[in-house]
Amino acid sequence: MAFLRARTDGFANYSIKYSPFFPDRIAVASAQNFGLVGNGRLHLLHQNTQTGLLVEKVFDTQDGIYDVAWSEVHENQLVSVSGDGSVKLWDVTLDQFPVRKWKEHQREVYSADWNNLRKEIFATASWDQTIKIWTPELPASISTIHAHAGCIYSALFSPHAPDILASCSTDGYLNLWDLRQPSISPPTSSILAHPTEVLTLDWNKYIPNLIATGSVDRSIKIHDLRMPNRPTVLAALPGHAYAVRKVVWSPHSPTILASGSYDMTVRIWELNGLTAKMTGLPPDVRARGLHDGHTEFVSGLAWSFFEPGVLASCAWDQEVHVCRTAG
């Protein structure tokens, strides 16, 4: 696949997100020395058909940045989460310093997600085994969920139900949380998704009960959440040689999924038959595309909200790629 490329020299990349407001604006979270020690950097990139992919602005932090999430209410704001447990709110029209910062997590924060239905809140998830819910106007978190028995890699709000949150962890579980419950713990559903660490999850944007997970066991699994008391796996996707670091469903198709792996590849999958899953037949899984332009672990993926089939990836090779796929 042909692609645009940008360098983030000196910084290995962990996460990438398209702006929900501007089709040409991308944020990338990165860290020095592969995130083991050193500073972090938030890169703001501009995507243009004439000039290509350019780094327009950077914000530096004292510790590695592992994830970012764009605000759903303010077109120039986004949050970043870091290895020192901090959460920062940035305004891209300003220079150098965050407009607000919090530090409640006790360990590395690996995930940030802004609720696109209850647009006033966002969630962060940490290796301290907790998920915290925040709103930018308050100096402290709204609530804390003691979510897993291991490090949490991802926590994402459902795109269909504003109070439902899914999380995954080193304990192998996919947990669901309902923020309307008087006591959020225990989870409303807890699924042993993989026999080992679950590094990533994503909600299907069209089918409310489908979640994809990716694991250290090299597999991607598609779960039907309507079957909590039975095996939930509709499909298991082989193909990656090492751990699956990121899965993202297309915002333009219910059957297209992208995955990124420590095997340095990005793969596009098509899963036909998902809407007919109640027949009991497994979906027809097809490999739709492969991008092998990275030379280190692929850590982040993001579909463009405005251009169908455009997929951005970032990796530890200090590069950002934007590909046009068939997805």
C-alpha atoms as a PDB file:
ATOM      1  CA  MET A   1       0.000   0.000   0.000  1.00  0.00           C
ATOM      2  CA  ALA A   2       1.264   3.484  -0.876  1.00  0.00           C
ATOM      3  CA  PHE A   3       1.659   5.733   2.144  1.00  0.00           C
ATOM      4  CA  LEU A   4       2.691   9.130   3.494  1.00  0.00           C
ATOM      5  CA  ARG A   5       5.470   9.224   6.081  1.00  0.00           C
ATOM      6  CA  ALA A   6       6.628  11.545   8.878  1.00  0.00           C
ATOM      7  CA  ARG A   7       9.505  11.183  11.352  1.00  0.00           C
ATOM      8  CA  THR A   8       9.404  11.773  15.116  1.00  0.00           C
ATOM      9  CA  ASP A   9      13.192  11.723  15.564  1.00  0.00           C
ATOM     10  CA  GLY A  10      14.381  10.659  19.000  1.00  0.00           C
ATOM     11  CA  PHE A  11      10.945   9.498  20.120  1.00  0.00           C
ATOM     12  CA  ALA A  12       9.345   6.058  19.797  1.00  0.00           C
ATOM     13  CA  ASN A  13       5.616   6.286  19.119  1.00  0.00           C
ATOM     14  CA  TYR A  14       2.916   4.698  21.259  1.00  0.00           C
ATOM     15  CA  SER A  15      -0.437   6.018  20.078  1.00  0.00           C
ATOM     16  CA  ILE A  16      -2.046   7.961  17.245  1.00  0.00           C
ATOM     17  CA  LYS A  17      -5.450   9.676  16.995  1.00  0.00           C
ATOM     18  CA  TYR A  18      -7.261  11.627  14.285  1.00  0.00           C
ATOM     19  CA  SER A  19      -9.084  14.782  15.320  1.00  0.00           C
ATOM     20  CA  PRO A  20     -12.892  14.372  15.284  1.00  0.00           C
ATOM     21  CA  PHE A  21     -13.164  17.994  14.066  1.00  0.00           C
ATOM     22  CA  PHE A  22     -10.455  18.424  11.405  1.00  0.00           C
ATOM     23  CA  PRO A  23      -9.700  15.806   8.731  1.00  0.00           C
ATOM     24  CA  ASP A  24      -6.048  16.859   8.394  1.00  0.00           C
ATOM     25  CA  ARG A  25      -5.064  16.967  12.097  1.00  0.00           C
ATOM     26  CA  ILE A  26      -3.369  14.012  13.842  1.00  0.00           C
ATOM     27  CA  ALA A  27      -1.957  13.655  17.371  1.00  0.00           C
ATOM     28  CA  VAL A  28       0.838  11.210  18.223  1.00  0.00           C
ATOM     29  CA  ALA A  29       1.993  10.165  21.715  1.00  0.00           C
ATOM     30  CA  SER A  30       5.653   9.232  22.036  1.00  0.00           C
ATOM     31  CA  ALA A  31       8.531   8.626  24.438  1.00  0.00           C
ATOM     32  CA  GLN A  32      12.317   8.622  24.437  1.00  0.00           C
ATOM     33  CA  ASN A  33      14.258   5.367  24.735  1.00  0.00           C
ATOM     34  CA  PHE A  34      11.205   3.223  23.877  1.00  0.00           C
ATOM     35  CA  GLY A  35       9.388   4.542  26.937  1.00  0.00           C
ATOM     36  CA  LEU A  36      11.777   2.976  29.438  1.00  0.00           C
ATOM     37  CA  VAL A  37      13.326   6.247  30.631  1.00  0.00           C
ATOM     38  CA  GLY A  38      13.373   9.854  29.446  1.00  0.00           C
ATOM     39  CA  ASN A  39      11.012  12.565  28.252  1.00  0.00           C
ATOM     40  CA  GLY A  40       7.768  12.368  26.347  1.00  0.00           C
ATOM     41  CA  ARG A  41       6.515  14.322  23.380  1.00  0.00           C
ATOM     42  CA  LEU A  42       3.073  15.066  21.988  1.00  0.00           C
ATOM     43  CA  HIS A  43       3.345  15.611  18.222  1.00  0.00           C
ATOM     44  CA  LEU A  44       0.690  17.447  16.207  1.00  0.00           C
ATOM     45  CA  LEU A  45       0.783  16.500  12.532  1.00  0.00           C
ATOM     46  CA  HIS A  46      -0.850  18.023   9.471  1.00  0.00           C
ATOM     47  CA  GLN A  47      -1.895  15.762   6.597  1.00  0.00           C
ATOM     48  CA  ASN A  48      -2.006  17.380   3.153  1.00  0.00           C
ATOM     49  CA  THR A  49      -2.251  15.919  -0.341  1.00  0.00           C
ATOM     50  CA  GLN A  50       0.283  18.439  -1.677  1.00  0.00           C
ATOM     51  CA  THR A  51       2.848  18.701   1.133  1.00  0.00           C
ATOM     52  CA  GLY A  52       2.412  15.216   2.618  1.00  0.00           C
ATOM     53  CA  LEU A  53       2.569  14.543   6.363  1.00  0.00           C
ATOM     54  CA  LEU A  54       4.256  17.244   8.447  1.00  0.00           C
ATOM     55  CA  VAL A  55       4.943  17.720  12.162  1.00  0.00           C
ATOM     56  CA  GLU A  56       3.539  21.177  12.890  1.00  0.00           C
ATOM     57  CA  LYS A  57       3.932  21.449  16.662  1.00  0.00           C
ATOM     58  CA  VAL A  58       5.218  19.519  19.675  1.00  0.00           C
ATOM     59  CA  PHE A  59       4.637  19.608  23.422  1.00  0.00           C
ATOM     60  CA  ASP A  60       7.304  18.101  25.689  1.00  0.00           C
ATOM     61  CA  THR A  61       6.783  16.369  29.031  1.00  0.00           C
ATOM     62  CA  GLN A  62       9.091  15.027  31.716  1.00  0.00           C
ATOM     63  CA  ASP A  63       7.965  11.431  31.209  1.00  0.00           C
ATOM     64  CA  GLY A  64       6.908   9.304  28.259  1.00  0.00           C
ATOM     65  CA  ILE A  65       3.435   9.852  26.780  1.00  0.00           C
ATOM     66  CA  TYR A  66       1.570   6.590  26.119  1.00  0.00           C
ATOM     67  CA  ASP A  67      -1.820   7.714  24.807  1.00  0.00           C
ATOM     68  CA  VAL A  68      -3.839  10.755  23.723  1.00  0.00           C
ATOM     69  CA  ALA A  69      -7.548  11.494  23.295  1.00  0.00           C
ATOM     70  CA  TRP A  70      -9.095  14.439  21.484  1.00  0.00           C
ATOM     71  CA  SER A  71     -11.817  16.405  23.240  1.00  0.00           C
ATOM     72  CA  GLU A  72     -15.319  15.837  21.887  1.00  0.00           C
ATOM     73  CA  VAL A  73     -16.439  19.364  22.815  1.00  0.00           C
ATOM     74  CA  HIS A  74     -13.434  21.618  22.169  1.00  0.00           C
ATOM     75  CA  GLU A  75     -11.800  21.337  18.742  1.00  0.00           C
ATOM     76  CA  ASN A  76      -8.379  22.495  19.964  1.00  0.00           C
ATOM     77  CA  GLN A  77      -8.051  20.433  23.131  1.00  0.00           C
ATOM     78  CA  LEU A  78      -6.835  16.919  23.931  1.00  0.00           C
ATOM     79  CA  VAL A  79      -5.577  14.929  26.896  1.00  0.00           C
ATOM     80  CA  SER A  80      -2.346  12.965  27.227  1.00  0.00           C
ATOM     81  CA  VAL A  81      -1.372  10.284  29.755  1.00  0.00           C
ATOM     82  CA  SER A  82       2.137   9.508  30.936  1.00  0.00           C
ATOM     83  CA  GLY A  83       4.437   7.041  32.594  1.00  0.00           C
ATOM     84  CA  ASP A  84       4.639   9.112  35.778  1.00  0.00           C
ATOM     85  CA  GLY A  85       0.890   8.675  36.393  1.00  0.00           C
ATOM     86  CA  SER A  86      -0.036  12.159  35.202  1.00  0.00           C
ATOM     87  CA  VAL A  87      -2.936  13.275  32.990  1.00  0.00           C
ATOM     88  CA  LYS A  88      -2.631  16.569  31.100  1.00  0.00           C
ATOM     89  CA  LEU A  89      -5.076  18.696  29.118  1.00  0.00           C
ATOM     90  CA  TRP A  90      -3.540  20.621  26.202  1.00  0.00           C
ATOM     91  CA  ASP A  91      -4.770  23.419  23.964  1.00  0.00           C
ATOM     92  CA  VAL A  92      -3.070  23.278  20.564  1.00  0.00           C
ATOM     93  CA  THR A  93      -3.396  27.052  20.094  1.00  0.00           C
ATOM     94  CA  LEU A  94      -1.120  27.637  23.110  1.00  0.00           C
ATOM     95  CA  ASP A  95       2.564  26.926  23.623  1.00  0.00           C
ATOM     96  CA  GLN A  96       4.595  24.776  25.996  1.00  0.00           C
ATOM     97  CA  PHE A  97       2.364  24.186  29.027  1.00  0.00           C
ATOM     98  CA  PRO A  98      -0.855  22.201  29.587  1.00  0.00           C
ATOM     99  CA  VAL A  99      -3.984  24.124  30.551  1.00  0.00           C
ATOM    100  CA  ARG A 100      -4.730  21.617  33.314  1.00  0.00           C
ATOM    101  CA  LYS A 101      -3.000  18.613  34.868  1.00  0.00           C
ATOM    102  CA  TRP A 102      -3.921  15.867  37.310  1.00  0.00           C
ATOM    103  CA  LYS A 103      -1.872  13.238  39.123  1.00  0.00           C
ATOM    104  CA  GLU A 104      -3.952  10.621  40.923  1.00  0.00           C
ATOM    105  CA  HIS A 105      -2.784   7.393  39.287  1.00  0.00           C
ATOM    106  CA  GLN A 106       0.021   5.616  41.137  1.00  0.00           C
ATOM    107  CA  ARG A 107       1.657   3.992  38.111  1.00  0.00           C
ATOM    108  CA  GLU A 108       1.947   4.357  34.322  1.00  0.00           C
ATOM    109  CA  VAL A 109      -1.239   5.496  32.572  1.00  0.00           C
ATOM    110  CA  TYR A 110      -1.616   3.617  29.312  1.00  0.00           C
ATOM    111  CA  SER A 111      -5.045   4.567  27.969  1.00  0.00           C
ATOM    112  CA  ALA A 112      -7.190   7.669  27.472  1.00  0.00           C
ATOM    113  CA  ASP A 113     -10.623   7.800  25.860  1.00  0.00           C
ATOM    114  CA  TRP A 114     -13.065  10.673  25.494  1.00  0.00           C
ATOM    115  CA  ASN A 115     -16.751   9.728  25.622  1.00  0.00           C
ATOM    116  CA  ASN A 116     -18.341  10.657  22.299  1.00  0.00           C
ATOM    117  CA  LEU A 117     -21.893  10.464  23.717  1.00  0.00           C
ATOM    118  CA  ARG A 118     -21.453  12.015  27.177  1.00  0.00           C
ATOM    119  CA  LYS A 119     -19.025  14.510  25.766  1.00  0.00           C
ATOM    120  CA  GLU A 120     -18.172  16.156  29.080  1.00  0.00           C
ATOM    121  CA  ILE A 121     -16.225  13.154  30.447  1.00  0.00           C
ATOM    122  CA  PHE A 122     -13.173  11.079  29.600  1.00  0.00           C
ATOM    123  CA  ALA A 123     -11.564   7.955  31.082  1.00  0.00           C
ATOM    124  CA  THR A 124      -7.983   6.956  31.849  1.00  0.00           C
ATOM    125  CA  ALA A 125      -6.655   3.476  32.663  1.00  0.00           C
ATOM    126  CA  SER A 126      -3.450   2.639  34.476  1.00  0.00           C
ATOM    127  CA  TRP A 127      -1.034  -0.060  35.486  1.00  0.00           C
ATOM    128  CA  ASP A 128      -2.199   0.692  39.052  1.00  0.00           C
ATOM    129  CA  GLN A 129      -5.245  -1.492  38.169  1.00  0.00           C
ATOM    130  CA  THR A 130      -7.703   1.420  38.218  1.00  0.00           C
ATOM    131  CA  ILE A 131      -9.829   3.351  35.737  1.00  0.00           C
ATOM    132  CA  LYS A 132     -10.627   6.976  36.517  1.00  0.00           C
ATOM    133  CA  ILE A 133     -13.412   9.147  35.100  1.00  0.00           C
ATOM    134  CA  TRP A 134     -12.704  12.854  34.661  1.00  0.00           C
ATOM    135  CA  THR A 135     -14.222  16.088  33.456  1.00  0.00           C
ATOM    136  CA  PRO A 136     -11.915  18.972  32.425  1.00  0.00           C
ATOM    137  CA  GLU A 137     -13.613  21.486  34.723  1.00  0.00           C
ATOM    138  CA  LEU A 138     -12.886  19.659  37.993  1.00  0.00           C
ATOM    139  CA  PRO A 139      -9.546  19.497  39.846  1.00  0.00           C
ATOM    140  CA  ALA A 140     -10.000  15.822  40.759  1.00  0.00           C
ATOM    141  CA  SER A 141     -11.445  12.706  39.149  1.00  0.00           C
ATOM    142  CA  ILE A 142     -15.193  12.051  39.347  1.00  0.00           C
ATOM    143  CA  SER A 143     -14.857   8.356  40.191  1.00  0.00           C
ATOM    144  CA  THR A 144     -12.365   5.515  40.414  1.00  0.00           C
ATOM    145  CA  ILE A 145     -12.979   1.905  39.367  1.00  0.00           C
ATOM    146  CA  HIS A 146     -10.786  -0.817  40.839  1.00  0.00           C
ATOM    147  CA  ALA A 147     -11.039  -2.714  37.615  1.00  0.00           C
ATOM    148  CA  HIS A 148      -8.571  -5.592  37.268  1.00  0.00           C
ATOM    149  CA  ALA A 149      -6.093  -7.836  39.044  1.00  0.00           C
ATOM    150  CA  GLY A 150      -3.348  -6.705  36.677  1.00  0.00           C
ATOM    151  CA  CYS A 151      -2.082  -3.757  34.656  1.00  0.00           C
ATOM    152  CA  ILE A 152      -4.819  -2.190  32.508  1.00  0.00           C
ATOM    153  CA  TYR A 153      -3.871  -1.553  28.895  1.00  0.00           C
ATOM    154  CA  SER A 154      -7.083  -0.064  27.540  1.00  0.00           C
ATOM    155  CA  ALA A 155     -10.471   1.264  28.661  1.00  0.00           C
ATOM    156  CA  LEU A 156     -12.938   2.515  26.035  1.00  0.00           C
ATOM    157  CA  PHE A 157     -16.459   3.909  26.204  1.00  0.00           C
ATOM    158  CA  SER A 158     -19.121   2.215  24.113  1.00  0.00           C
ATOM    159  CA  PRO A 159     -20.020   4.273  21.015  1.00  0.00           C
ATOM    160  CA  HIS A 160     -23.634   3.088  21.474  1.00  0.00           C
ATOM    161  CA  ALA A 161     -24.317   3.517  25.225  1.00  0.00           C
ATOM    162  CA  PRO A 162     -22.906   6.568  27.044  1.00  0.00           C
ATOM    163  CA  ASP A 163     -22.479   4.893  30.449  1.00  0.00           C
ATOM    164  CA  ILE A 164     -20.889   1.614  29.353  1.00  0.00           C
ATOM    165  CA  LEU A 165     -17.117   1.128  29.479  1.00  0.00           C
ATOM    166  CA  ALA A 166     -14.969  -1.870  28.479  1.00  0.00           C
ATOM    167  CA  SER A 167     -11.468  -2.607  29.780  1.00  0.00           C
ATOM    168  CA  CYS A 168      -8.724  -5.185  29.238  1.00  0.00           C
ATOM    169  CA  SER A 169      -5.712  -6.187  31.252  1.00  0.00           C
ATOM    170  CA  THR A 170      -2.731  -8.414  31.849  1.00  0.00           C
ATOM    171  CA  ASP A 171      -5.105 -10.692  33.784  1.00  0.00           C
ATOM    172  CA  GLY A 172      -6.614 -11.864  30.456  1.00  0.00           C
ATOM    173  CA  TYR A 173     -10.083 -10.479  31.174  1.00  0.00           C
ATOM    174  CA  LEU A 174     -12.396  -8.232  29.187  1.00  0.00           C
ATOM    175  CA  ASN A 175     -14.558  -6.406  31.755  1.00  0.00           C
ATOM    176  CA  LEU A 176     -17.671  -4.289  31.212  1.00  0.00           C
ATOM    177  CA  TRP A 177     -18.657  -1.437  33.546  1.00  0.00           C
ATOM    178  CA  ASP A 178     -21.904   0.514  33.931  1.00  0.00           C
ATOM    179  CA  LEU A 179     -21.290   4.006  35.313  1.00  0.00           C
ATOM    180  CA  ARG A 180     -24.969   4.259  36.345  1.00  0.00           C
ATOM    181  CA  GLN A 181     -24.542   1.615  39.034  1.00  0.00           C
ATOM    182  CA  PRO A 182     -24.425   3.032  42.611  1.00  0.00           C
ATOM    183  CA  SER A 183     -21.313   0.936  43.197  1.00  0.00           C
ATOM    184  CA  ILE A 184     -19.458   0.541  39.913  1.00  0.00           C
ATOM    185  CA  SER A 185     -17.517  -2.536  41.075  1.00  0.00           C
ATOM    186  CA  PRO A 186     -17.852  -5.444  40.421  1.00  0.00           C
ATOM    187  CA  PRO A 187     -18.120  -5.404  36.601  1.00  0.00           C
ATOM    188  CA  THR A 188     -21.475  -6.060  34.974  1.00  0.00           C
ATOM    189  CA  SER A 189     -19.712  -8.716  32.895  1.00  0.00           C
ATOM    190  CA  SER A 190     -16.278 -10.317  33.079  1.00  0.00           C
ATOM    191  CA  ILE A 191     -15.052 -12.465  30.181  1.00  0.00           C
ATOM    192  CA  LEU A 192     -11.824 -14.449  30.085  1.00  0.00           C
ATOM    193  CA  ALA A 193     -10.945 -13.160  26.635  1.00  0.00           C
ATOM    194  CA  HIS A 194      -7.480 -14.713  26.196  1.00  0.00           C
ATOM    195  CA  PRO A 195      -5.299 -17.122  28.189  1.00  0.00           C
ATOM    196  CA  THR A 196      -2.680 -14.383  28.611  1.00  0.00           C
ATOM    197  CA  GLU A 197      -2.337 -10.575  28.544  1.00  0.00           C
ATOM    198  CA  VAL A 198      -4.932  -8.592  26.569  1.00  0.00           C
ATOM    199  CA  LEU A 199      -3.218  -5.510  25.134  1.00  0.00           C
ATOM    200  CA  THR A 200      -6.023  -3.895  23.160  1.00  0.00           C
ATOM    201  CA  LEU A 201      -9.765  -3.756  22.538  1.00  0.00           C
ATOM    202  CA  ASP A 202     -12.194  -1.854  20.353  1.00  0.00           C
ATOM    203  CA  TRP A 203     -15.979  -1.598  20.051  1.00  0.00           C
ATOM    204  CA  ASN A 204     -17.591  -2.188  16.678  1.00  0.00           C
ATOM    205  CA  LYS A 205     -19.020   1.159  15.596  1.00  0.00           C
ATOM    206  CA  TYR A 206     -22.178  -0.339  14.016  1.00  0.00           C
ATOM    207  CA  ILE A 207     -22.990  -3.519  15.969  1.00  0.00           C
ATOM    208  CA  PRO A 208     -23.426  -2.619  19.665  1.00  0.00           C
ATOM    209  CA  ASN A 209     -22.561  -6.015  21.125  1.00  0.00           C
ATOM    210  CA  LEU A 210     -19.305  -6.708  19.292  1.00  0.00           C
ATOM    211  CA  ILE A 211     -15.833  -6.083  20.720  1.00  0.00           C
ATOM    212  CA  ALA A 212     -12.480  -7.080  19.214  1.00  0.00           C
ATOM    213  CA  THR A 213      -9.539  -7.908  21.484  1.00  0.00           C
ATOM    214  CA  GLY A 214      -5.854  -8.484  20.736  1.00  0.00           C
ATOM    215  CA  SER A 215      -3.401 -10.357  22.899  1.00  0.00           C
ATOM    216  CA  VAL A 216       0.139 -11.436  23.616  1.00  0.00           C
ATOM    217  CA  ASP A 217      -1.031 -14.860  22.388  1.00  0.00           C
ATOM    218  CA  ARG A 218      -0.849 -13.361  18.824  1.00  0.00           C
ATOM    219  CA  SER A 219      -4.584 -13.738  18.212  1.00  0.00           C
ATOM    220  CA  ILE A 220      -7.461 -11.336  17.617  1.00  0.00           C
ATOM    221  CA  LYS A 221     -10.851 -12.422  18.940  1.00  0.00           C
ATOM    222  CA  ILE A 222     -14.294 -11.075  18.114  1.00  0.00           C
ATOM    223  CA  HIS A 223     -16.651 -11.290  21.106  1.00  0.00           C
ATOM    224  CA  ASP A 224     -20.467 -11.227  21.143  1.00  0.00           C
ATOM    225  CA  LEU A 225     -21.328  -9.603  24.471  1.00  0.00           C
ATOM    226  CA  ARG A 226     -24.894 -10.935  24.432  1.00  0.00           C
ATOM    227  CA  MET A 227     -23.611 -14.354  25.467  1.00  0.00           C
ATOM    228  CA  PRO A 228     -21.938 -13.707  28.854  1.00  0.00           C
ATOM    229  CA  ASN A 229     -22.718 -17.190  30.196  1.00  0.00           C
ATOM    230  CA  ARG A 230     -21.467 -19.001  27.107  1.00  0.00           C
ATOM    231  CA  PRO A 231     -18.313 -18.812  24.988  1.00  0.00           C
ATOM    232  CA  THR A 232     -18.453 -15.329  23.467  1.00  0.00           C
ATOM    233  CA  VAL A 233     -15.924 -15.731  20.661  1.00  0.00           C
ATOM    234  CA  LEU A 234     -17.452 -15.433  17.184  1.00  0.00           C
ATOM    235  CA  ALA A 235     -14.114 -15.567  15.401  1.00  0.00           C
ATOM    236  CA  ALA A 236     -10.397 -15.839  16.106  1.00  0.00           C
ATOM    237  CA  LEU A 237      -8.105 -14.198  13.574  1.00  0.00           C
ATOM    238  CA  PRO A 238      -4.648 -15.682  13.111  1.00  0.00           C
ATOM    239  CA  GLY A 239      -1.966 -14.064  10.996  1.00  0.00           C
ATOM    240  CA  HIS A 240       0.352 -12.064  13.259  1.00  0.00           C
ATOM    241  CA  ALA A 241       3.684 -13.610  14.244  1.00  0.00           C
ATOM    242  CA  TYR A 242       3.945 -11.744  17.567  1.00  0.00           C
ATOM    243  CA  ALA A 243       1.727  -9.987  20.102  1.00  0.00           C
ATOM    244  CA  VAL A 244      -1.187  -7.921  18.773  1.00  0.00           C
ATOM    245  CA  ARG A 245      -0.731  -4.395  20.149  1.00  0.00           C
ATOM    246  CA  LYS A 246      -3.684  -2.580  18.584  1.00  0.00           C
ATOM    247  CA  VAL A 247      -7.070  -3.345  17.011  1.00  0.00           C
ATOM    248  CA  VAL A 248      -9.420  -0.693  15.558  1.00  0.00           C
ATOM    249  CA  TRP A 249     -12.774  -1.158  13.834  1.00  0.00           C
ATOM    250  CA  SER A 250     -13.437   1.047  10.821  1.00  0.00           C
ATOM    251  CA  PRO A 251     -15.779   4.001  11.444  1.00  0.00           C
ATOM    252  CA  HIS A 252     -17.105   3.522   7.899  1.00  0.00           C
ATOM    253  CA  SER A 253     -17.854  -0.222   7.761  1.00  0.00           C
ATOM    254  CA  PRO A 254     -19.094  -2.759  10.342  1.00  0.00           C
ATOM    255  CA  THR A 255     -17.006  -5.546   8.808  1.00  0.00           C
ATOM    256  CA  ILE A 256     -13.533  -3.950   8.473  1.00  0.00           C
ATOM    257  CA  LEU A 257     -10.944  -4.269  11.253  1.00  0.00           C
ATOM    258  CA  ALA A 258      -7.289  -3.167  11.350  1.00  0.00           C
ATOM    259  CA  SER A 259      -4.616  -4.646  13.606  1.00  0.00           C
ATOM    260  CA  GLY A 260      -1.038  -3.706  14.443  1.00  0.00           C
ATOM    261  CA  SER A 261       1.518  -6.033  15.956  1.00  0.00           C
ATOM    262  CA  TYR A 262       4.964  -6.429  17.422  1.00  0.00           C
ATOM    263  CA  ASP A 263       5.723  -8.304  14.186  1.00  0.00           C
ATOM    264  CA  MET A 264       5.976  -4.766  12.647  1.00  0.00           C
ATOM    265  CA  THR A 265       2.977  -5.201  10.337  1.00  0.00           C
ATOM    266  CA  VAL A 266      -0.442  -3.624   9.960  1.00  0.00           C
ATOM    267  CA  ARG A 267      -3.167  -5.953   8.699  1.00  0.00           C
ATOM    268  CA  ILE A 268      -6.656  -5.235   7.394  1.00  0.00           C
ATOM    269  CA  TRP A 269      -9.376  -7.844   7.931  1.00  0.00           C
ATOM    270  CA  GLU A 270     -12.850  -8.229   6.461  1.00  0.00           C
ATOM    271  CA  LEU A 271     -15.394 -10.188   8.494  1.00  0.00           C
ATOM    272  CA  ASN A 272     -18.468 -10.798   6.379  1.00  0.00           C
ATOM    273  CA  GLY A 273     -21.573 -12.248   7.975  1.00  0.00           C
ATOM    274  CA  LEU A 274     -21.299 -10.447  11.321  1.00  0.00           C
ATOM    275  CA  THR A 275     -24.871  -9.146  11.182  1.00  0.00           C
ATOM    276  CA  ALA A 276     -26.128 -12.696  10.625  1.00  0.00           C
ATOM    277  CA  LYS A 277     -24.254 -14.056  13.628  1.00  0.00           C
ATOM    278  CA  MET A 278     -27.383 -15.371  15.360  1.00  0.00           C
ATOM    279  CA  THR A 279     -27.484 -18.184  12.799  1.00  0.00           C
ATOM    280  CA  GLY A 280     -24.578 -19.732  14.676  1.00  0.00           C
ATOM    281  CA  LEU A 281     -22.330 -19.639  11.640  1.00  0.00           C
ATOM    282  CA  PRO A 282     -18.895 -18.057  12.076  1.00  0.00           C
ATOM    283  CA  PRO A 283     -18.176 -14.958   9.992  1.00  0.00           C
ATOM    284  CA  ASP A 284     -16.232 -15.267   6.766  1.00  0.00           C
ATOM    285  CA  VAL A 285     -12.799 -13.820   7.679  1.00  0.00           C
ATOM    286  CA  ARG A 286     -10.588 -12.560   4.876  1.00  0.00           C
ATOM    287  CA  ALA A 287      -7.225 -10.813   4.912  1.00  0.00           C
ATOM    288  CA  ARG A 288      -7.907  -7.548   3.077  1.00  0.00           C
ATOM    289  CA  GLY A 289      -4.525  -5.811   3.140  1.00  0.00           C
ATOM    290  CA  LEU A 290      -1.020  -5.695   4.601  1.00  0.00           C
ATOM    291  CA  HIS A 291       1.277  -2.774   5.368  1.00  0.00           C
ATOM    292  CA  ASP A 292       4.833  -3.799   6.241  1.00  0.00           C
ATOM    293  CA  GLY A 293       6.560  -0.420   5.988  1.00  0.00           C
ATOM    294  CA  HIS A 294       7.469  -0.142   9.673  1.00  0.00           C
ATOM    295  CA  THR A 295      10.775  -1.475  11.006  1.00  0.00           C
ATOM    296  CA  GLU A 296       9.827  -1.714  14.699  1.00  0.00           C
ATOM    297  CA  PHE A 297       6.814  -2.613  16.868  1.00  0.00           C
ATOM    298  CA  VAL A 298       3.554  -1.132  15.548  1.00  0.00           C
ATOM    299  CA  SER A 299       1.928   0.434  18.601  1.00  0.00           C
ATOM    300  CA  GLY A 300      -0.857   2.709  17.345  1.00  0.00           C
ATOM    301  CA  LEU A 301      -3.555   2.751  14.649  1.00  0.00           C
ATOM    302  CA  ALA A 302      -6.297   5.232  13.778  1.00  0.00           C
ATOM    303  CA  TRP A 303      -8.850   5.347  10.957  1.00  0.00           C
ATOM    304  CA  SER A 304      -9.679   8.737   9.482  1.00  0.00           C
ATOM    305  CA  PHE A 305     -13.205   9.825  10.423  1.00  0.00           C
ATOM    306  CA  PHE A 306     -13.559  11.843   7.212  1.00  0.00           C
ATOM    307  CA  GLU A 307     -11.908   9.737   4.496  1.00  0.00           C
ATOM    308  CA  PRO A 308     -13.043   6.093   4.210  1.00  0.00           C
ATOM    309  CA  GLY A 309     -10.144   3.670   3.885  1.00  0.00           C
ATOM    310  CA  VAL A 310      -7.456   6.039   5.204  1.00  0.00           C
ATOM    311  CA  LEU A 311      -5.517   4.490   8.086  1.00  0.00           C
ATOM    312  CA  ALA A 312      -2.701   6.030  10.147  1.00  0.00           C
ATOM    313  CA  SER A 313      -0.133   3.947  12.040  1.00  0.00           C
ATOM    314  CA  CYS A 314       2.744   4.719  14.372  1.00  0.00           C
ATOM    315  CA  ALA A 315       5.586   2.584  15.667  1.00  0.00           C
ATOM    316  CA  TRP A 316       8.715   2.405  17.762  1.00  0.00           C
ATOM    317  CA  ASP A 317      10.726   3.120  14.589  1.00  0.00           C
ATOM    318  CA  GLN A 318       9.972   6.849  15.163  1.00  0.00           C
ATOM    319  CA  GLU A 319       7.733   6.974  12.111  1.00  0.00           C
ATOM    320  CA  VAL A 320       4.104   7.783  11.350  1.00  0.00           C
ATOM    321  CA  HIS A 321       2.524   6.334   8.215  1.00  0.00           C
ATOM    322  CA  VAL A 322      -0.794   7.159   6.553  1.00  0.00           C
ATOM    323  CA  CYS A 323      -2.056   4.555   4.061  1.00  0.00           C
ATOM    324  CA  ARG A 324      -5.020   4.441   1.750  1.00  0.00           C
ATOM    325  CA  THR A 325      -6.549   0.991   2.072  1.00  0.00           C
ATOM    326  CA  ALA A 326      -9.620  -0.727   0.694  1.00  0.00           C
ATOM    327  CA  GLY A 327     -11.301  -0.499   4.140  1.00  0.00           C
END
